[in-house]
PDB file of N, CA and C in Angstrom:
ATOM      1  N   MET A   1      36.445   6.249 -22.965  1.00  0.00           N
ATOM      2  CA  MET A   1      37.060   5.456 -21.986  1.00  0.00           C
ATOM      3  C   MET A   1      36.586   5.568 -20.737  1.00  0.00           C
ATOM      4  N   ALA A   2      36.532   6.978 -20.243  1.00  0.00           N
ATOM      5  CA  ALA A   2      36.006   7.260 -18.741  1.00  0.00           C
ATOM      6  C   ALA A   2      34.814   6.817 -18.620  1.00  0.00           C
ATOM      7  N   GLU A   3      33.881   6.981 -19.812  1.00  0.00           N
ATOM      8  CA  GLU A   3      32.544   6.741 -19.715  1.00  0.00           C
ATOM      9  C   GLU A   3      32.259   5.217 -19.510  1.00  0.00           C
ATOM     10  N   THR A   4      33.153   4.376 -20.104  1.00  0.00           N
ATOM     11  CA  THR A   4      33.005   2.912 -19.766  1.00  0.00           C
ATOM     12  C   THR A   4      33.426   2.507 -18.296  1.00  0.00           C
ATOM     13  N   LYS A   5      34.446   3.385 -17.726  1.00  0.00           N
ATOM     14  CA  LYS A   5      34.688   2.810 -16.363  1.00  0.00           C
ATOM     15  C   LYS A   5      33.668   3.516 -15.355  1.00  0.00           C
ATOM     16  N   LYS A   6      32.893   4.505 -15.678  1.00  0.00           N
ATOM     17  CA  LYS A   6      31.758   4.901 -14.856  1.00  0.00           C
ATOM     18  C   LYS A   6      30.714   4.035 -14.916  1.00  0.00           C
ATOM     19  N   LYS A   7      30.418   3.154 -15.985  1.00  0.00           N
ATOM     20  CA  LYS A   7      29.444   2.224 -16.269  1.00  0.00           C
ATOM     21  C   LYS A   7      29.663   1.138 -15.494  1.00  0.00           C
ATOM     22  N   THR A   8      30.868   0.614 -15.436  1.00  0.00           N
ATOM     23  CA  THR A   8      31.236  -0.681 -14.680  1.00  0.00           C
ATOM     24  C   THR A   8      31.230  -0.502 -13.154  1.00  0.00           C
ATOM     25  N   ALA A   9      31.596   0.911 -12.773  1.00  0.00           N
ATOM     26  CA  ALA A   9      31.589   1.108 -11.471  1.00  0.00           C
ATOM     27  C   ALA A   9      30.132   1.142 -10.885  1.00  0.00           C
ATOM     28  N   LYS A  10      29.180   1.696 -11.833  1.00  0.00           N
ATOM     29  CA  LYS A  10      27.897   1.623 -11.327  1.00  0.00           C
ATOM     30  C   LYS A  10      27.345   0.345 -11.243  1.00  0.00           C
ATOM     31  N   ALA A  11      27.778  -0.620 -12.059  1.00  0.00           N
ATOM     32  CA  ALA A  11      27.178  -2.076 -12.209  1.00  0.00           C
ATOM     33  C   ALA A  11      27.509  -2.503 -10.995  1.00  0.00           C
ATOM     34  N   ALA A  12      28.829  -2.233 -10.620  1.00  0.00           N
ATOM     35  CA  ALA A  12      29.531  -2.979  -9.629  1.00  0.00           C
ATOM     36  C   ALA A  12      28.880  -2.886  -8.306  1.00  0.00           C
ATOM     37  N   THR A  13      28.632  -1.572  -8.114  1.00  0.00           N
ATOM     38  CA  THR A  13      27.816  -1.135  -6.756  1.00  0.00           C
ATOM     39  C   THR A  13      26.525  -1.680  -6.763  1.00  0.00           C
ATOM     40  N   ARG A  14      25.852  -1.546  -7.963  1.00  0.00           N
ATOM     41  CA  ARG A  14      24.464  -2.151  -7.986  1.00  0.00           C
ATOM     42  C   ARG A  14      24.395  -3.516  -7.549  1.00  0.00           C
ATOM     43  N   SER A  15      25.378  -4.498  -8.197  1.00  0.00           N
ATOM     44  CA  SER A  15      25.261  -5.819  -7.841  1.00  0.00           C
ATOM     45  C   SER A  15      25.622  -5.998  -6.498  1.00  0.00           C
ATOM     46  N   GLU A  16      26.677  -5.347  -5.804  1.00  0.00           N
ATOM     47  CA  GLU A  16      26.762  -5.413  -4.409  1.00  0.00           C
ATOM     48  C   GLU A  16      25.704  -5.250  -3.495  1.00  0.00           C
ATOM     49  N   SER A  17      25.060  -4.050  -3.911  1.00  0.00           N
ATOM     50  CA  SER A  17      23.705  -3.676  -3.020  1.00  0.00           C
ATOM     51  C   SER A  17      22.696  -4.460  -3.107  1.00  0.00           C
ATOM     52  N   SER A  18      22.493  -5.228  -4.338  1.00  0.00           N
ATOM     53  CA  SER A  18      21.393  -6.084  -4.531  1.00  0.00           C
ATOM     54  C   SER A  18      21.884  -7.700  -3.858  1.00  0.00           C
ATOM     55  N   ALA A  19      22.970  -7.963  -3.757  1.00  0.00           N
ATOM     56  CA  ALA A  19      23.535  -9.332  -3.243  1.00  0.00           C
ATOM     57  C   ALA A  19      22.705  -9.606  -1.923  1.00  0.00           C
ATOM     58  N   GLY A  20      22.993  -8.471  -0.941  1.00  0.00           N
ATOM     59  CA  GLY A  20      22.580  -8.668   0.471  1.00  0.00           C
ATOM     60  C   GLY A  20      21.257  -8.213   0.583  1.00  0.00           C
ATOM     61  N   ALA A  21      20.330  -7.887  -0.210  1.00  0.00           N
ATOM     62  CA  ALA A  21      19.143  -7.343   0.059  1.00  0.00           C
ATOM     63  C   ALA A  21      18.188  -8.269   0.165  1.00  0.00           C
ATOM     64  N   THR A  22      17.050  -7.892   0.901  1.00  0.00           N
ATOM     65  CA  THR A  22      16.076  -8.840   0.901  1.00  0.00           C
ATOM     66  C   THR A  22      14.827  -8.469  -0.184  1.00  0.00           C
ATOM     67  N   GLN A  23      13.907  -9.344  -0.172  1.00  0.00           N
ATOM     68  CA  GLN A  23      13.024  -9.268  -1.030  1.00  0.00           C
ATOM     69  C   GLN A  23      12.241  -7.846  -0.931  1.00  0.00           C
ATOM     70  N   SER A  24      11.759  -7.288   0.082  1.00  0.00           N
ATOM     71  CA  SER A  24      11.067  -6.345   0.222  1.00  0.00           C
ATOM     72  C   SER A  24      11.812  -5.059  -0.104  1.00  0.00           C
ATOM     73  N   SER A  25      13.160  -4.983   0.118  1.00  0.00           N
ATOM     74  CA  SER A  25      13.805  -3.919  -0.217  1.00  0.00           C
ATOM     75  C   SER A  25      14.078  -3.759  -1.806  1.00  0.00           C
ATOM     76  N   GLU A  26      14.331  -4.974  -2.431  1.00  0.00           N
ATOM     77  CA  GLU A  26      14.353  -5.000  -3.853  1.00  0.00           C
ATOM     78  C   GLU A  26      13.267  -4.247  -4.536  1.00  0.00           C
ATOM     79  N   ARG A  27      12.178  -4.576  -3.858  1.00  0.00           N
ATOM     80  CA  ARG A  27      10.810  -3.838  -4.462  1.00  0.00           C
ATOM     81  C   ARG A  27      10.748  -2.336  -4.006  1.00  0.00           C
ATOM     82  N   GLY A  28      11.350  -1.922  -3.141  1.00  0.00           N
ATOM     83  CA  GLY A  28      11.180  -0.558  -2.727  1.00  0.00           C
ATOM     84  C   GLY A  28      10.213  -0.414  -1.459  1.00  0.00           C
ATOM     85  N   LEU A  29      10.097   0.611  -0.859  1.00  0.00           N
ATOM     86  CA  LEU A  29       9.057   0.796   0.210  1.00  0.00           C
ATOM     87  C   LEU A  29       7.690   0.917  -0.337  1.00  0.00           C
ATOM     88  N   ARG A  30       6.931  -0.097   0.274  1.00  0.00           N
ATOM     89  CA  ARG A  30       5.605   0.137  -0.329  1.00  0.00           C
ATOM     90  C   ARG A  30       4.788   0.984   0.596  1.00  0.00           C
ATOM     91  N   LYS A  31       3.566   1.551  -0.002  1.00  0.00           N
ATOM     92  CA  LYS A  31       2.966   2.375   0.692  1.00  0.00           C
ATOM     93  C   LYS A  31       1.800   1.640   1.665  1.00  0.00           C
ATOM     94  N   THR A  32       1.448   2.072   2.895  1.00  0.00           N
ATOM     95  CA  THR A  32       0.437   1.446   3.693  1.00  0.00           C
ATOM     96  C   THR A  32      -0.699   2.481   3.947  1.00  0.00           C
ATOM     97  N   GLN A  33      -1.742   1.963   4.218  1.00  0.00           N
ATOM     98  CA  GLN A  33      -2.637   2.779   4.751  1.00  0.00           C
ATOM     99  C   GLN A  33      -3.466   2.036   5.908  1.00  0.00           C
ATOM    100  N   ASP A  34      -4.379   2.712   6.895  1.00  0.00           N
ATOM    101  CA  ASP A  34      -5.141   2.237   7.769  1.00  0.00           C
ATOM    102  C   ASP A  34      -6.442   2.693   7.531  1.00  0.00           C
ATOM    103  N   GLY A  35      -7.221   1.876   7.552  1.00  0.00           N
ATOM    104  CA  GLY A  35      -8.655   2.319   7.183  1.00  0.00           C
ATOM    105  C   GLY A  35      -9.804   1.445   7.709  1.00  0.00           C
ATOM    106  N   LEU A  36     -11.097   1.615   7.330  1.00  0.00           N
ATOM    107  CA  LEU A  36     -12.295   0.715   8.048  1.00  0.00           C
ATOM    108  C   LEU A  36     -12.870   0.135   6.794  1.00  0.00           C
ATOM    109  N   VAL A  37     -13.076  -1.129   6.985  1.00  0.00           N
ATOM    110  CA  VAL A  37     -13.695  -1.844   6.070  1.00  0.00           C
ATOM    111  C   VAL A  37     -15.278  -1.355   6.001  1.00  0.00           C
ATOM    112  N   VAL A  38     -15.643  -0.935   4.688  1.00  0.00           N
ATOM    113  CA  VAL A  38     -17.042  -0.453   4.486  1.00  0.00           C
ATOM    114  C   VAL A  38     -17.734  -1.531   3.649  1.00  0.00           C
ATOM    115  N   SER A  39     -17.230  -2.427   3.129  1.00  0.00           N
ATOM    116  CA  SER A  39     -17.915  -3.521   2.190  1.00  0.00           C
ATOM    117  C   SER A  39     -16.748  -4.673   2.105  1.00  0.00           C
ATOM    118  N   SER A  40     -17.525  -6.071   2.424  1.00  0.00           N
ATOM    119  CA  SER A  40     -16.847  -7.190   2.195  1.00  0.00           C
ATOM    120  C   SER A  40     -17.591  -8.380   1.402  1.00  0.00           C
ATOM    121  N   LYS A  41     -18.498  -7.600   0.605  1.00  0.00           N
ATOM    122  CA  LYS A  41     -19.304  -8.656  -0.141  1.00  0.00           C
ATOM    123  C   LYS A  41     -18.689  -9.407  -1.338  1.00  0.00           C
ATOM    124  N   MET A  42     -17.958  -8.622  -1.947  1.00  0.00           N
ATOM    125  CA  MET A  42     -17.290  -9.506  -2.942  1.00  0.00           C
ATOM    126  C   MET A  42     -16.394 -10.668  -2.566  1.00  0.00           C
ATOM    127  N   ASP A  43     -15.968 -11.569  -3.405  1.00  0.00           N
ATOM    128  CA  ASP A  43     -15.232 -12.587  -3.129  1.00  0.00           C
ATOM    129  C   ASP A  43     -13.878 -12.295  -3.062  1.00  0.00           C
ATOM    130  N   LYS A  44     -13.045 -12.278  -1.975  1.00  0.00           N
ATOM    131  CA  LYS A  44     -11.679 -11.998  -1.930  1.00  0.00           C
ATOM    132  C   LYS A  44     -11.215 -10.474  -2.003  1.00  0.00           C
ATOM    133  N   THR A  45     -12.376  -9.732  -1.953  1.00  0.00           N
ATOM    134  CA  THR A  45     -12.090  -8.384  -2.062  1.00  0.00           C
ATOM    135  C   THR A  45     -12.903  -7.558  -0.902  1.00  0.00           C
ATOM    136  N   LEU A  46     -12.073  -6.471  -0.532  1.00  0.00           N
ATOM    137  CA  LEU A  46     -12.462  -5.427   0.558  1.00  0.00           C
ATOM    138  C   LEU A  46     -12.707  -4.157  -0.121  1.00  0.00           C
ATOM    139  N   VAL A  47     -13.587  -3.461   0.281  1.00  0.00           N
ATOM    140  CA  VAL A  47     -13.738  -1.835   0.133  1.00  0.00           C
ATOM    141  C   VAL A  47     -13.222  -1.281   1.494  1.00  0.00           C
ATOM    142  N   VAL A  48     -12.092  -0.643   1.493  1.00  0.00           N
ATOM    143  CA  VAL A  48     -11.590   0.180   2.673  1.00  0.00           C
ATOM    144  C   VAL A  48     -11.817   1.683   2.692  1.00  0.00           C
ATOM    145  N   ALA A  49     -12.292   2.347   3.395  1.00  0.00           N
ATOM    146  CA  ALA A  49     -12.438   3.714   3.429  1.00  0.00           C
ATOM    147  C   ALA A  49     -11.291   4.257   4.316  1.00  0.00           C
ATOM    148  N   VAL A  50     -10.422   5.217   3.780  1.00  0.00           N
ATOM    149  CA  VAL A  50      -9.141   5.813   4.497  1.00  0.00           C
ATOM    150  C   VAL A  50      -9.688   7.321   4.537  1.00  0.00           C
ATOM    151  N   VAL A  51      -9.772   7.770   5.822  1.00  0.00           N
ATOM    152  CA  VAL A  51      -9.972   9.194   6.169  1.00  0.00           C
ATOM    153  C   VAL A  51      -8.739   9.910   6.507  1.00  0.00           C
ATOM    154  N   ARG A  52      -8.582  10.947   5.886  1.00  0.00           N
ATOM    155  CA  ARG A  52      -7.284  11.853   6.235  1.00  0.00           C
ATOM    156  C   ARG A  52      -7.833  13.314   6.476  1.00  0.00           C
ATOM    157  N   GLN A  53      -6.933  14.010   6.988  1.00  0.00           N
ATOM    158  CA  GLN A  53      -7.341  15.483   7.405  1.00  0.00           C
ATOM    159  C   GLN A  53      -6.469  16.199   6.639  1.00  0.00           C
ATOM    160  N   VAL A  54      -6.857  17.220   5.850  1.00  0.00           N
ATOM    161  CA  VAL A  54      -6.243  18.094   4.977  1.00  0.00           C
ATOM    162  C   VAL A  54      -6.514  19.751   5.395  1.00  0.00           C
ATOM    163  N   ARG A  55      -5.859  20.503   5.234  1.00  0.00           N
ATOM    164  CA  ARG A  55      -5.825  21.847   5.689  1.00  0.00           C
ATOM    165  C   ARG A  55      -6.573  22.533   4.471  1.00  0.00           C
ATOM    166  N   HIS A  56      -7.523  23.370   4.829  1.00  0.00           N
ATOM    167  CA  HIS A  56      -8.119  24.026   3.489  1.00  0.00           C
ATOM    168  C   HIS A  56      -6.872  25.001   3.245  1.00  0.00           C
ATOM    169  N   SER A  57      -6.997  25.346   1.820  1.00  0.00           N
ATOM    170  CA  SER A  57      -6.149  26.206   1.336  1.00  0.00           C
ATOM    171  C   SER A  57      -6.268  27.689   1.728  1.00  0.00           C
ATOM    172  N   GLN A  58      -7.590  27.977   1.579  1.00  0.00           N
ATOM    173  CA  GLN A  58      -8.066  29.539   1.869  1.00  0.00           C
ATOM    174  C   GLN A  58      -8.340  29.787   3.251  1.00  0.00           C
ATOM    175  N   TYR A  59      -9.077  29.059   3.922  1.00  0.00           N
ATOM    176  CA  TYR A  59      -9.378  29.216   5.325  1.00  0.00           C
ATOM    177  C   TYR A  59      -8.621  28.458   6.526  1.00  0.00           C
ATOM    178  N   GLY A  60      -7.842  27.590   6.146  1.00  0.00           N
ATOM    179  CA  GLY A  60      -7.008  26.968   7.044  1.00  0.00           C
ATOM    180  C   GLY A  60      -7.698  26.042   7.914  1.00  0.00           C
ATOM    181  N   LYS A  61      -8.885  25.804   7.726  1.00  0.00           N
ATOM    182  CA  LYS A  61      -9.773  24.884   8.615  1.00  0.00           C
ATOM    183  C   LYS A  61      -9.199  23.436   8.166  1.00  0.00           C
ATOM    184  N   PHE A  62      -9.186  22.459   8.870  1.00  0.00           N
ATOM    185  CA  PHE A  62      -8.801  21.044   8.689  1.00  0.00           C
ATOM    186  C   PHE A  62     -10.298  20.382   8.179  1.00  0.00           C
ATOM    187  N   VAL A  63     -10.140  19.889   7.141  1.00  0.00           N
ATOM    188  CA  VAL A  63     -11.414  19.213   6.522  1.00  0.00           C
ATOM    189  C   VAL A  63     -11.101  17.669   6.192  1.00  0.00           C
ATOM    190  N   ARG A  64     -12.029  16.832   6.354  1.00  0.00           N
ATOM    191  CA  ARG A  64     -11.982  15.400   6.282  1.00  0.00           C
ATOM    192  C   ARG A  64     -12.151  15.034   4.894  1.00  0.00           C
ATOM    193  N   ARG A  65     -11.244  14.172   4.448  1.00  0.00           N
ATOM    194  CA  ARG A  65     -11.251  13.575   3.078  1.00  0.00           C
ATOM    195  C   ARG A  65     -11.146  12.028   3.037  1.00  0.00           C
ATOM    196  N   THR A  66     -12.196  11.507   2.507  1.00  0.00           N
ATOM    197  CA  THR A  66     -12.566   9.968   2.544  1.00  0.00           C
ATOM    198  C   THR A  66     -12.055   9.467   1.027  1.00  0.00           C
ATOM    199  N   LYS A  67     -11.276   8.326   0.865  1.00  0.00           N
ATOM    200  CA  LYS A  67     -11.155   7.854  -0.308  1.00  0.00           C
ATOM    201  C   LYS A  67     -11.253   6.447  -0.054  1.00  0.00           C
ATOM    202  N   LYS A  68     -11.903   5.725  -1.013  1.00  0.00           N
ATOM    203  CA  LYS A  68     -12.083   4.047  -1.101  1.00  0.00           C
ATOM    204  C   LYS A  68     -11.156   3.370  -1.831  1.00  0.00           C
ATOM    205  N   PHE A  69     -10.478   2.480  -1.232  1.00  0.00           N
ATOM    206  CA  PHE A  69      -9.525   1.619  -1.887  1.00  0.00           C
ATOM    207  C   PHE A  69     -10.143   0.197  -2.076  1.00  0.00           C
ATOM    208  N   TYR A  70      -9.939  -0.666  -2.977  1.00  0.00           N
ATOM    209  CA  TYR A  70     -10.235  -1.665  -3.051  1.00  0.00           C
ATOM    210  C   TYR A  70      -8.982  -2.904  -2.769  1.00  0.00           C
ATOM    211  N   ALA A  71      -9.327  -3.677  -1.800  1.00  0.00           N
ATOM    212  CA  ALA A  71      -8.032  -4.457  -1.452  1.00  0.00           C
ATOM    213  C   ALA A  71      -8.377  -6.087  -1.602  1.00  0.00           C
ATOM    214  N   HIS A  72      -7.187  -6.565  -1.871  1.00  0.00           N
ATOM    215  CA  HIS A  72      -7.396  -8.153  -1.677  1.00  0.00           C
ATOM    216  C   HIS A  72      -7.255  -8.881  -0.602  1.00  0.00           C
ATOM    217  N   ASP A  73      -8.329  -9.760  -0.379  1.00  0.00           N
ATOM    218  CA  ASP A  73      -8.383 -10.364   1.060  1.00  0.00           C
ATOM    219  C   ASP A  73      -8.294 -11.971   0.680  1.00  0.00           C
ATOM    220  N   GLU A  74      -7.175 -12.496   0.651  1.00  0.00           N
ATOM    221  CA  GLU A  74      -7.242 -13.956   0.181  1.00  0.00           C
ATOM    222  C   GLU A  74      -7.986 -14.759   0.922  1.00  0.00           C
ATOM    223  N   LYS A  75      -8.255 -14.896   2.161  1.00  0.00           N
ATOM    224  CA  LYS A  75      -8.788 -15.921   3.076  1.00  0.00           C
ATOM    225  C   LYS A  75     -10.310 -15.371   3.374  1.00  0.00           C
ATOM    226  N   ASN A  76     -10.859 -14.279   2.965  1.00  0.00           N
ATOM    227  CA  ASN A  76     -12.143 -13.657   3.379  1.00  0.00           C
ATOM    228  C   ASN A  76     -12.280 -13.497   4.815  1.00  0.00           C
ATOM    229  N   GLN A  77     -11.437 -13.052   5.362  1.00  0.00           N
ATOM    230  CA  GLN A  77     -11.165 -13.021   6.887  1.00  0.00           C
ATOM    231  C   GLN A  77     -11.806 -11.786   7.541  1.00  0.00           C
ATOM    232  N   CYS A  78     -12.085 -10.667   6.867  1.00  0.00           N
ATOM    233  CA  CYS A  78     -12.545  -9.347   7.170  1.00  0.00           C
ATOM    234  C   CYS A  78     -13.968  -9.186   7.040  1.00  0.00           C
ATOM    235  N   GLY A  79     -14.570  -8.321   7.907  1.00  0.00           N
ATOM    236  CA  GLY A  79     -15.911  -7.997   7.769  1.00  0.00           C
ATOM    237  C   GLY A  79     -16.057  -6.559   7.746  1.00  0.00           C
ATOM    238  N   VAL A  80     -17.214  -6.340   7.629  1.00  0.00           N
ATOM    239  CA  VAL A  80     -17.725  -4.664   7.726  1.00  0.00           C
ATOM    240  C   VAL A  80     -17.511  -4.186   9.146  1.00  0.00           C
ATOM    241  N   GLY A  81     -16.947  -2.994   9.195  1.00  0.00           N
ATOM    242  CA  GLY A  81     -16.432  -2.330  10.500  1.00  0.00           C
ATOM    243  C   GLY A  81     -14.999  -2.685  11.134  1.00  0.00           C
ATOM    244  N   ASP A  82     -14.333  -3.579  10.557  1.00  0.00           N
ATOM    245  CA  ASP A  82     -13.111  -3.911  11.059  1.00  0.00           C
ATOM    246  C   ASP A  82     -12.034  -2.797  10.716  1.00  0.00           C
ATOM    247  N   ARG A  83     -11.090  -2.758  11.481  1.00  0.00           N
ATOM    248  CA  ARG A  83      -9.902  -1.647  11.295  1.00  0.00           C
ATOM    249  C   ARG A  83      -8.927  -2.406  10.711  1.00  0.00           C
ATOM    250  N   VAL A  84      -8.383  -2.013   9.377  1.00  0.00           N
ATOM    251  CA  VAL A  84      -7.243  -2.855   8.890  1.00  0.00           C
ATOM    252  C   VAL A  84      -6.132  -2.043   8.324  1.00  0.00           C
ATOM    253  N   ARG A  85      -5.027  -2.895   8.106  1.00  0.00           N
ATOM    254  CA  ARG A  85      -3.856  -2.134   7.273  1.00  0.00           C
ATOM    255  C   ARG A  85      -3.811  -2.690   5.948  1.00  0.00           C
ATOM    256  N   ILE A  86      -3.564  -1.876   5.022  1.00  0.00           N
ATOM    257  CA  ILE A  86      -3.639  -2.413   3.625  1.00  0.00           C
ATOM    258  C   ILE A  86      -2.166  -2.093   2.985  1.00  0.00           C
ATOM    259  N   VAL A  87      -1.758  -2.777   2.208  1.00  0.00           N
ATOM    260  CA  VAL A  87      -0.388  -2.295   1.570  1.00  0.00           C
ATOM    261  C   VAL A  87      -0.489  -2.254   0.144  1.00  0.00           C
ATOM    262  N   GLU A  88       0.437  -1.414  -0.667  1.00  0.00           N
ATOM    263  CA  GLU A  88       0.297  -1.479  -2.025  1.00  0.00           C
ATOM    264  C   GLU A  88       1.036  -2.564  -2.738  1.00  0.00           C
ATOM    265  N   THR A  89       0.343  -2.792  -3.823  1.00  0.00           N
ATOM    266  CA  THR A  89       0.679  -4.260  -4.534  1.00  0.00           C
ATOM    267  C   THR A  89       0.695  -3.876  -5.980  1.00  0.00           C
ATOM    268  N   ARG A  90       1.076  -4.895  -6.953  1.00  0.00           N
ATOM    269  CA  ARG A  90       0.782  -4.822  -8.328  1.00  0.00           C
ATOM    270  C   ARG A  90      -0.650  -4.866  -8.689  1.00  0.00           C
ATOM    271  N   PRO A  91      -0.996  -4.346  -9.684  1.00  0.00           N
ATOM    272  CA  PRO A  91      -2.428  -4.497  -9.955  1.00  0.00           C
ATOM    273  C   PRO A  91      -2.900  -5.823 -10.044  1.00  0.00           C
ATOM    274  N   LEU A  92      -4.225  -6.095  -9.326  1.00  0.00           N
ATOM    275  CA  LEU A  92      -4.727  -7.576  -9.326  1.00  0.00           C
ATOM    276  C   LEU A  92      -5.900  -7.521 -10.254  1.00  0.00           C
ATOM    277  N   SER A  93      -6.632  -6.438 -10.361  1.00  0.00           N
ATOM    278  CA  SER A  93      -7.912  -6.340 -11.199  1.00  0.00           C
ATOM    279  C   SER A  93      -7.716  -4.880 -11.791  1.00  0.00           C
ATOM    280  N   LYS A  94      -8.916  -4.584 -12.411  1.00  0.00           N
ATOM    281  CA  LYS A  94      -9.371  -3.238 -12.943  1.00  0.00           C
ATOM    282  C   LYS A  94      -9.122  -2.079 -11.706  1.00  0.00           C
ATOM    283  N   LEU A  95      -9.515  -2.486 -10.504  1.00  0.00           N
ATOM    284  CA  LEU A  95      -9.644  -1.518  -9.657  1.00  0.00           C
ATOM    285  C   LEU A  95      -8.623  -1.689  -8.579  1.00  0.00           C
ATOM    286  N   LYS A  96      -8.402  -3.091  -8.294  1.00  0.00           N
ATOM    287  CA  LYS A  96      -7.492  -3.446  -6.896  1.00  0.00           C
ATOM    288  C   LYS A  96      -6.097  -3.532  -7.148  1.00  0.00           C
ATOM    289  N   ARG A  97      -5.493  -2.345  -6.311  1.00  0.00           N
ATOM    290  CA  ARG A  97      -4.025  -2.153  -6.335  1.00  0.00           C
ATOM    291  C   ARG A  97      -3.498  -2.377  -4.914  1.00  0.00           C
ATOM    292  N   TRP A  98      -4.096  -2.975  -4.065  1.00  0.00           N
ATOM    293  CA  TRP A  98      -3.775  -3.049  -2.554  1.00  0.00           C
ATOM    294  C   TRP A  98      -4.119  -4.329  -2.225  1.00  0.00           C
ATOM    295  N   LYS A  99      -3.497  -4.884  -1.109  1.00  0.00           N
ATOM    296  CA  LYS A  99      -3.693  -6.092  -0.355  1.00  0.00           C
ATOM    297  C   LYS A  99      -3.848  -6.059   1.078  1.00  0.00           C
ATOM    298  N   LEU A 100      -4.586  -6.659   1.705  1.00  0.00           N
ATOM    299  CA  LEU A 100      -4.648  -6.850   3.143  1.00  0.00           C
ATOM    300  C   LEU A 100      -3.206  -7.258   3.723  1.00  0.00           C
ATOM    301  N   GLU A 101      -2.723  -6.303   4.844  1.00  0.00           N
ATOM    302  CA  GLU A 101      -1.632  -6.769   5.424  1.00  0.00           C
ATOM    303  C   GLU A 101      -2.025  -7.213   6.793  1.00  0.00           C
ATOM    304  N   SER A 102      -2.986  -6.649   7.520  1.00  0.00           N
ATOM    305  CA  SER A 102      -3.273  -7.195   9.037  1.00  0.00           C
ATOM    306  C   SER A 102      -4.506  -6.598   9.254  1.00  0.00           C
ATOM    307  N   ILE A 103      -5.172  -7.267  10.240  1.00  0.00           N
ATOM    308  CA  ILE A 103      -6.335  -6.784  10.894  1.00  0.00           C
ATOM    309  C   ILE A 103      -5.913  -6.068  12.174  1.00  0.00           C
ATOM    310  N   ILE A 104      -6.150  -4.791  12.463  1.00  0.00           N
ATOM    311  CA  ILE A 104      -5.654  -3.974  13.394  1.00  0.00           C
ATOM    312  C   ILE A 104      -6.955  -4.279  14.702  1.00  0.00           C
ATOM    313  N   ARG A 105      -7.949  -4.099  14.207  1.00  0.00           N
ATOM    314  CA  ARG A 105      -9.146  -4.421  15.414  1.00  0.00           C
ATOM    315  C   ARG A 105     -10.556  -5.033  14.754  1.00  0.00           C
ATOM    316  N   LYS A 106     -10.925  -6.082  15.206  1.00  0.00           N
ATOM    317  CA  LYS A 106     -12.160  -6.740  14.664  1.00  0.00           C
ATOM    318  C   LYS A 106     -13.292  -5.800  15.198  1.00  0.00           C
ATOM    319  N   ALA A 107     -14.428  -5.911  14.326  1.00  0.00           N
ATOM    320  CA  ALA A 107     -15.691  -5.126  14.596  1.00  0.00           C
ATOM    321  C   ALA A 107     -16.384  -5.904  15.540  1.00  0.00           C
ATOM    322  N   GLU A 108     -17.039  -5.298  16.394  1.00  0.00           N
ATOM    323  CA  GLU A 108     -17.867  -5.931  17.681  1.00  0.00           C
ATOM    324  C   GLU A 108     -19.252  -6.592  17.124  1.00  0.00           C
TER     325      GLU A 108
END
């Protein structure tokens, strides 16, 4: 009996919180990355290199780590050298799990 009351209380709070929620909060916080476009040869796809600095575990020196992400560019508006912000999304193809959010700075 007490277990049923707990379940209904949880369901009530869940419905209240989702009633006033916007679409972005329903999906949760999406990860964003800032990076440099290294390739835009594919149709509607960018390759974005994201550089981060990590501390070496033994020596303590900061080391640069680069990772490439495939991102969806619906309008083919980016070129090589652009600084862009990409956001996490559902899988769009075998490798694409990101989409273009905005162009921070166009290449010269």
